[in-house]
N, C-alpha and C. Protein backbone atom coordinates (compact mmCIF):
# COMPACT_ATOMS: atom_id res chain seq x y z
N MET A 1 5.35 -2.49 -6.19
CA MET A 1 4.69 -2.26 -4.79
C MET A 1 3.96 -0.67 -5.24
N LYS A 2 2.40 -0.84 -5.09
CA LYS A 2 1.83 0.50 -5.62
C LYS A 2 0.78 0.57 -4.42
N ARG A 3 0.30 1.77 -4.38
CA ARG A 3 -0.52 2.33 -3.59
C ARG A 3 -1.93 1.66 -3.73
N GLY A 4 -2.41 0.97 -2.78
CA GLY A 4 -3.71 0.25 -2.79
C GLY A 4 -3.39 -1.26 -2.88
N ASP A 5 -2.19 -1.74 -3.01
CA ASP A 5 -1.65 -2.97 -2.90
C ASP A 5 -1.83 -3.47 -1.39
N LEU A 6 -2.13 -4.88 -1.32
CA LEU A 6 -2.20 -5.39 -0.05
C LEU A 6 -1.01 -6.46 -0.02
N PHE A 7 -0.21 -6.31 0.98
CA PHE A 7 0.94 -7.43 1.40
C PHE A 7 0.70 -8.04 2.64
N TRP A 8 1.43 -9.22 2.81
CA TRP A 8 1.63 -9.66 4.04
C TRP A 8 2.81 -8.85 4.61
N ALA A 9 2.74 -8.38 5.97
CA ALA A 9 3.96 -7.72 6.37
C ALA A 9 4.33 -8.09 7.81
N GLU A 10 5.60 -8.21 8.40
CA GLU A 10 5.82 -8.24 9.45
C GLU A 10 5.76 -7.01 10.42
N LEU A 11 4.91 -7.04 11.35
CA LEU A 11 4.72 -5.76 12.12
C LEU A 11 5.27 -6.14 13.67
N LYS A 12 6.41 -6.39 13.87
CA LYS A 12 7.33 -6.47 14.96
C LYS A 12 8.59 -5.53 14.88
N PRO A 13 9.15 -5.01 15.95
CA PRO A 13 8.35 -5.05 17.09
C PRO A 13 7.37 -3.76 17.20
N ARG A 14 6.33 -4.21 18.16
CA ARG A 14 5.62 -3.07 18.29
C ARG A 14 5.04 -3.14 19.89
N SER A 15 4.25 -2.50 20.35
CA SER A 15 4.04 -2.53 21.81
C SER A 15 2.35 -2.05 22.21
N GLY A 16 2.01 -2.16 23.27
CA GLY A 16 0.85 -1.85 23.63
C GLY A 16 -0.22 -2.24 22.80
N SER A 17 -1.24 -1.46 22.38
CA SER A 17 -2.43 -1.85 21.37
C SER A 17 -2.35 -1.71 20.02
N GLU A 18 -0.82 -1.46 19.59
CA GLU A 18 -0.63 -1.52 18.17
C GLU A 18 -0.76 -2.84 17.36
N GLN A 19 -1.35 -2.75 16.37
CA GLN A 19 -1.37 -3.97 15.69
C GLN A 19 0.12 -4.78 15.36
N ARG A 20 0.14 -6.12 15.70
CA ARG A 20 1.55 -6.66 15.56
C ARG A 20 1.34 -7.91 15.10
N GLY A 21 2.60 -8.64 14.57
CA GLY A 21 2.58 -9.90 14.20
C GLY A 21 2.67 -10.04 12.56
N ARG A 22 2.66 -11.24 11.97
CA ARG A 22 2.46 -11.08 10.62
C ARG A 22 0.91 -10.78 10.28
N ARG A 23 0.87 -9.80 9.31
CA ARG A 23 -0.80 -9.56 9.21
C ARG A 23 -0.76 -8.59 7.62
N PRO A 24 -1.97 -8.72 7.16
CA PRO A 24 -1.88 -7.84 6.00
C PRO A 24 -1.87 -6.37 6.16
N VAL A 25 -1.27 -5.75 5.11
CA VAL A 25 -1.27 -4.24 5.24
C VAL A 25 -1.62 -3.58 3.83
N VAL A 26 -2.06 -2.50 3.81
CA VAL A 26 -2.28 -1.80 2.59
C VAL A 26 -1.48 -0.61 2.36
N ILE A 27 -0.96 -0.56 1.14
CA ILE A 27 0.38 0.37 1.01
C ILE A 27 -0.54 1.62 0.79
N VAL A 28 -0.31 2.78 1.29
CA VAL A 28 -0.79 4.17 1.36
C VAL A 28 0.07 5.38 0.76
N SER A 29 1.39 4.90 0.83
CA SER A 29 2.35 5.70 0.29
C SER A 29 2.17 6.12 -1.14
N ASN A 30 2.85 7.34 -1.34
CA ASN A 30 2.77 7.83 -2.86
C ASN A 30 3.79 6.98 -3.71
N ASP A 31 3.01 6.54 -4.89
CA ASP A 31 3.74 5.59 -5.80
C ASP A 31 4.80 6.20 -6.35
N GLY A 32 5.18 7.61 -6.20
CA GLY A 32 6.29 8.07 -6.61
C GLY A 32 7.65 7.66 -5.74
N PHE A 33 7.16 7.44 -4.33
CA PHE A 33 8.15 6.98 -3.33
C PHE A 33 8.36 5.33 -3.45
N ASN A 34 7.01 4.93 -3.85
CA ASN A 34 6.95 3.24 -3.93
C ASN A 34 7.99 2.91 -4.96
N SER A 35 8.18 3.80 -6.01
CA SER A 35 8.84 3.17 -7.16
C SER A 35 10.40 3.49 -7.26
N VAL A 36 10.75 4.06 -6.20
CA VAL A 36 12.22 4.24 -6.06
C VAL A 36 13.04 3.16 -5.15
N PRO A 37 13.71 2.41 -5.63
CA PRO A 37 14.11 1.14 -5.22
C PRO A 37 15.06 1.38 -3.76
N ASN A 38 15.89 2.77 -3.95
CA ASN A 38 16.84 2.98 -2.83
C ASN A 38 15.85 3.99 -1.54
N TRP A 39 14.56 4.10 -1.82
CA TRP A 39 13.38 4.70 -0.88
C TRP A 39 13.25 3.46 0.21
N ARG A 40 13.69 3.33 1.36
CA ARG A 40 13.60 2.05 2.24
C ARG A 40 12.18 2.12 2.82
N SER A 41 11.55 2.98 3.10
CA SER A 41 10.38 3.15 3.85
C SER A 41 9.08 3.26 2.97
N VAL A 42 8.06 2.75 3.36
CA VAL A 42 6.86 2.67 3.05
C VAL A 42 5.83 2.77 4.12
N ILE A 43 4.70 3.54 3.80
CA ILE A 43 3.61 4.00 4.63
C ILE A 43 2.44 3.02 4.36
N VAL A 44 1.83 2.26 5.41
CA VAL A 44 0.91 1.30 5.44
C VAL A 44 -0.19 1.55 6.52
N VAL A 45 -1.26 0.86 6.26
CA VAL A 45 -2.47 0.88 6.99
C VAL A 45 -2.65 -0.72 7.55
N PRO A 46 -2.39 -1.07 8.83
CA PRO A 46 -2.48 -2.48 9.16
C PRO A 46 -4.16 -2.97 8.98
N VAL A 47 -4.33 -4.33 8.68
CA VAL A 47 -5.38 -4.77 8.40
C VAL A 47 -5.57 -5.88 9.67
N THR A 48 -6.90 -6.02 9.86
CA THR A 48 -7.23 -7.30 11.13
C THR A 48 -8.50 -7.60 10.77
N THR A 49 -8.90 -8.83 11.31
CA THR A 49 -10.33 -9.46 11.33
C THR A 49 -10.88 -9.27 12.65
N SER A 50 -10.32 -8.35 13.36
CA SER A 50 -10.91 -8.28 14.81
C SER A 50 -12.27 -7.40 14.60
N LYS A 51 -13.28 -8.36 15.09
CA LYS A 51 -14.79 -7.55 15.46
C LYS A 51 -14.66 -6.16 16.32
N ARG A 52 -13.92 -6.44 17.18
CA ARG A 52 -13.85 -5.30 18.23
C ARG A 52 -13.51 -3.66 17.50
N GLN A 53 -12.31 -3.88 16.35
CA GLN A 53 -11.81 -2.76 15.65
C GLN A 53 -13.12 -2.45 14.71
N ALA A 54 -13.92 -3.20 14.35
CA ALA A 54 -15.08 -2.45 13.42
C ALA A 54 -16.04 -1.42 14.09
N GLY A 55 -16.02 -1.35 15.29
CA GLY A 55 -16.89 -0.44 15.74
C GLY A 55 -16.10 0.87 16.19
N ARG A 56 -15.00 0.98 15.67
CA ARG A 56 -14.32 2.48 15.97
C ARG A 56 -14.44 3.29 14.68
N SER A 57 -15.31 3.06 13.93
CA SER A 57 -15.66 4.02 12.78
C SER A 57 -15.63 5.29 13.12
N PRO A 58 -15.23 6.45 12.53
CA PRO A 58 -15.11 6.60 10.91
C PRO A 58 -13.59 6.01 10.71
N THR A 59 -12.65 5.53 11.53
CA THR A 59 -11.29 5.39 11.38
C THR A 59 -10.91 3.89 10.87
N THR A 60 -11.97 3.01 10.97
CA THR A 60 -11.75 1.52 10.60
C THR A 60 -12.73 1.17 9.24
N VAL A 61 -12.04 0.71 8.52
CA VAL A 61 -12.83 0.59 7.10
C VAL A 61 -13.20 -0.80 6.76
N PRO A 62 -14.15 -1.08 6.54
CA PRO A 62 -14.52 -2.64 6.19
C PRO A 62 -13.68 -3.05 4.89
N ILE A 63 -13.30 -4.30 4.65
CA ILE A 63 -12.36 -4.81 3.19
C ILE A 63 -13.27 -5.94 3.06
N VAL A 64 -13.91 -6.15 2.03
CA VAL A 64 -14.61 -7.55 2.00
C VAL A 64 -13.82 -8.34 0.93
N THR A 65 -14.01 -9.55 1.40
CA THR A 65 -13.11 -10.50 0.58
C THR A 65 -13.04 -10.46 -1.02
N ARG A 66 -14.07 -10.23 -1.48
CA ARG A 66 -14.37 -10.32 -2.73
C ARG A 66 -13.77 -9.17 -3.69
N ALA A 67 -13.46 -8.03 -2.80
CA ALA A 67 -12.72 -7.10 -3.12
C ALA A 67 -11.30 -6.92 -2.84
N SER A 68 -10.81 -7.83 -2.27
CA SER A 68 -9.36 -7.75 -1.86
C SER A 68 -8.55 -8.91 -2.08
N ASN A 69 -8.79 -10.10 -2.30
CA ASN A 69 -8.02 -11.36 -2.25
C ASN A 69 -7.82 -11.99 -0.97
N LEU A 70 -8.36 -11.28 0.30
CA LEU A 70 -8.09 -11.80 1.59
C LEU A 70 -9.11 -12.83 1.67
N THR A 71 -8.67 -13.82 2.89
CA THR A 71 -9.47 -15.17 3.00
C THR A 71 -10.65 -14.66 3.93
N ASP A 72 -10.58 -13.77 4.70
CA ASP A 72 -11.66 -13.34 5.49
C ASP A 72 -11.96 -11.73 5.31
N ASP A 73 -13.28 -11.37 5.48
CA ASP A 73 -13.71 -10.03 5.68
C ASP A 73 -12.69 -9.51 6.69
N SER A 74 -12.24 -8.28 6.32
CA SER A 74 -11.20 -7.63 7.50
C SER A 74 -11.52 -6.17 7.41
N ILE A 75 -10.69 -5.44 8.24
CA ILE A 75 -10.90 -4.06 8.56
C ILE A 75 -9.58 -3.58 8.50
N ALA A 76 -9.46 -2.27 7.90
CA ALA A 76 -8.42 -1.30 7.72
C ALA A 76 -8.27 -0.63 9.05
N VAL A 77 -7.30 -0.60 9.71
CA VAL A 77 -7.29 0.18 11.24
C VAL A 77 -6.56 1.62 10.67
N CYS A 78 -7.16 2.60 10.14
CA CYS A 78 -6.67 3.81 9.64
C CYS A 78 -6.23 4.43 10.76
N HIS A 79 -6.64 4.39 11.95
CA HIS A 79 -5.89 5.34 13.14
C HIS A 79 -4.52 4.71 13.40
N GLN A 80 -4.01 3.61 12.92
CA GLN A 80 -2.78 2.96 13.18
C GLN A 80 -1.96 3.03 12.10
N ILE A 81 -2.11 3.92 11.27
CA ILE A 81 -1.22 4.30 9.79
C ILE A 81 0.21 4.25 10.33
N THR A 82 1.11 3.49 9.77
CA THR A 82 2.52 3.51 10.23
C THR A 82 3.48 3.27 8.90
N THR A 83 4.73 3.77 9.34
CA THR A 83 5.78 3.42 8.44
C THR A 83 6.58 2.35 8.77
N LEU A 84 7.11 1.35 7.66
CA LEU A 84 7.73 0.28 7.89
C LEU A 84 8.93 0.35 6.92
N ASP A 85 9.81 -0.43 7.32
CA ASP A 85 11.15 -0.77 6.23
C ASP A 85 10.45 -1.56 5.31
N ARG A 86 11.14 -1.62 4.00
CA ARG A 86 10.75 -2.33 3.04
C ARG A 86 11.12 -3.99 3.32
N SER A 87 12.06 -4.02 4.10
CA SER A 87 12.14 -5.22 4.44
C SER A 87 11.11 -6.11 5.30
N LYS A 88 10.30 -5.53 5.84
CA LYS A 88 9.02 -6.22 6.55
C LYS A 88 8.02 -6.43 5.38
N ILE A 89 8.16 -6.10 4.40
CA ILE A 89 6.89 -6.28 3.55
C ILE A 89 7.49 -7.56 2.91
N GLN A 90 6.17 -8.44 2.79
CA GLN A 90 6.65 -10.13 2.37
C GLN A 90 5.85 -10.38 0.91
N THR A 91 4.78 -11.19 1.09
CA THR A 91 3.90 -11.87 -0.05
C THR A 91 2.94 -10.76 -0.41
N HIS A 92 2.98 -10.46 -1.76
CA HIS A 92 1.61 -9.68 -2.36
C HIS A 92 0.46 -10.63 -2.09
N ILE A 93 -0.61 -9.83 -1.64
CA ILE A 93 -1.93 -10.47 -1.59
C ILE A 93 -3.03 -10.17 -2.85
N GLY A 94 -2.75 -8.91 -2.99
CA GLY A 94 -3.83 -8.31 -4.20
C GLY A 94 -3.89 -6.61 -4.34
N ALA A 95 -4.89 -6.41 -4.78
CA ALA A 95 -4.93 -5.00 -4.72
C ALA A 95 -6.46 -4.28 -4.52
N LEU A 96 -6.51 -3.37 -3.69
CA LEU A 96 -7.90 -3.00 -3.50
C LEU A 96 -8.67 -2.06 -4.61
N THR A 97 -9.90 -2.01 -4.46
CA THR A 97 -10.66 -0.99 -5.76
C THR A 97 -10.30 0.47 -5.28
N GLU A 98 -10.45 1.32 -6.42
CA GLU A 98 -10.48 2.34 -5.98
C GLU A 98 -11.50 3.09 -4.94
N ALA A 99 -12.74 2.47 -5.12
CA ALA A 99 -13.76 2.94 -3.85
C ALA A 99 -13.12 2.38 -2.73
N SER A 100 -12.54 1.49 -2.27
CA SER A 100 -11.94 0.70 -1.06
C SER A 100 -10.80 1.90 -0.60
N MET A 101 -9.91 2.17 -1.64
CA MET A 101 -8.95 3.30 -1.35
C MET A 101 -9.49 4.53 -0.92
N ARG A 102 -10.37 5.13 -1.50
CA ARG A 102 -11.26 6.13 -1.02
C ARG A 102 -11.98 6.45 0.19
N ALA A 103 -12.09 4.96 0.62
CA ALA A 103 -12.75 4.79 2.10
C ALA A 103 -11.47 4.86 3.18
N ILE A 104 -10.54 4.39 2.61
CA ILE A 104 -9.35 4.37 3.42
C ILE A 104 -8.61 5.47 3.58
N GLU A 105 -8.79 6.49 2.66
CA GLU A 105 -8.17 7.57 2.52
C GLU A 105 -8.88 8.54 3.50
N ASN A 106 -10.47 8.43 3.67
CA ASN A 106 -11.34 9.17 4.49
C ASN A 106 -11.17 8.67 5.81
N GLY A 107 -10.52 7.34 6.27
CA GLY A 107 -10.65 6.87 7.49
C GLY A 107 -9.02 7.54 8.11
N ILE A 108 -8.14 7.63 7.18
CA ILE A 108 -6.85 8.41 7.64
C ILE A 108 -7.12 9.73 7.98
N ALA A 109 -8.03 10.47 6.87
CA ALA A 109 -8.45 11.73 7.11
C ALA A 109 -9.21 12.19 8.60
N ALA A 110 -10.08 11.15 8.91
CA ALA A 110 -10.65 11.51 10.13
C ALA A 110 -9.54 11.06 11.43
N ALA A 111 -8.69 10.30 11.23
CA ALA A 111 -7.89 9.90 12.38
C ALA A 111 -6.90 11.03 12.36
N CYS A 112 -6.53 11.91 11.30
CA CYS A 112 -5.53 12.89 11.45
C CYS A 112 -6.33 14.26 11.52
N ASP A 113 -7.83 14.21 11.71
CA ASP A 113 -8.53 15.49 11.81
C ASP A 113 -8.34 16.59 10.71
N LEU A 114 -8.39 15.83 9.47
CA LEU A 114 -7.96 16.41 8.19
C LEU A 114 -9.27 16.95 7.40
N GLY A 115 -10.48 16.46 8.02
CA GLY A 115 -11.44 16.72 7.24
C GLY A 115 -12.07 15.73 6.31
N PRO A 116 -13.19 15.86 5.82
CA PRO A 116 -13.57 14.56 4.72
C PRO A 116 -12.74 15.15 3.65
N LEU A 117 -12.44 14.20 2.93
CA LEU A 117 -11.90 14.09 1.62
C LEU A 117 -13.04 14.24 0.37
N THR A 118 -12.62 14.67 -0.82
CA THR A 118 -13.86 14.40 -1.80
C THR A 118 -13.34 13.84 -2.82
N GLN A 119 -14.23 13.40 -3.75
CA GLN A 119 -13.67 12.66 -5.05
C GLN A 119 -14.70 11.39 -5.20
């Protein structure tokens, strides 16, 4: 499991307007943590195909099928970054490009008021 990988994950329990159910997630936690077998948590950004989420830019980032191995164009919902137990991470889907990860990092920065990232 590496930063930038896409996995199917089980996002239950959740409440309110949080993304829930079985859905793709992007791994955003540090590879140092991701490589430690006893480190049980992983930081992820949930992914949706909801057109309603697309309008919430700059905290939503488009992910096109050709760059992701997803079956539909999707949206990374960076304002819903969350931590999951590894037991909720399921099947590997693929990996995002460096450009897609930079866009997600900027989406997280906008959601957390960290200012724009450079690189």
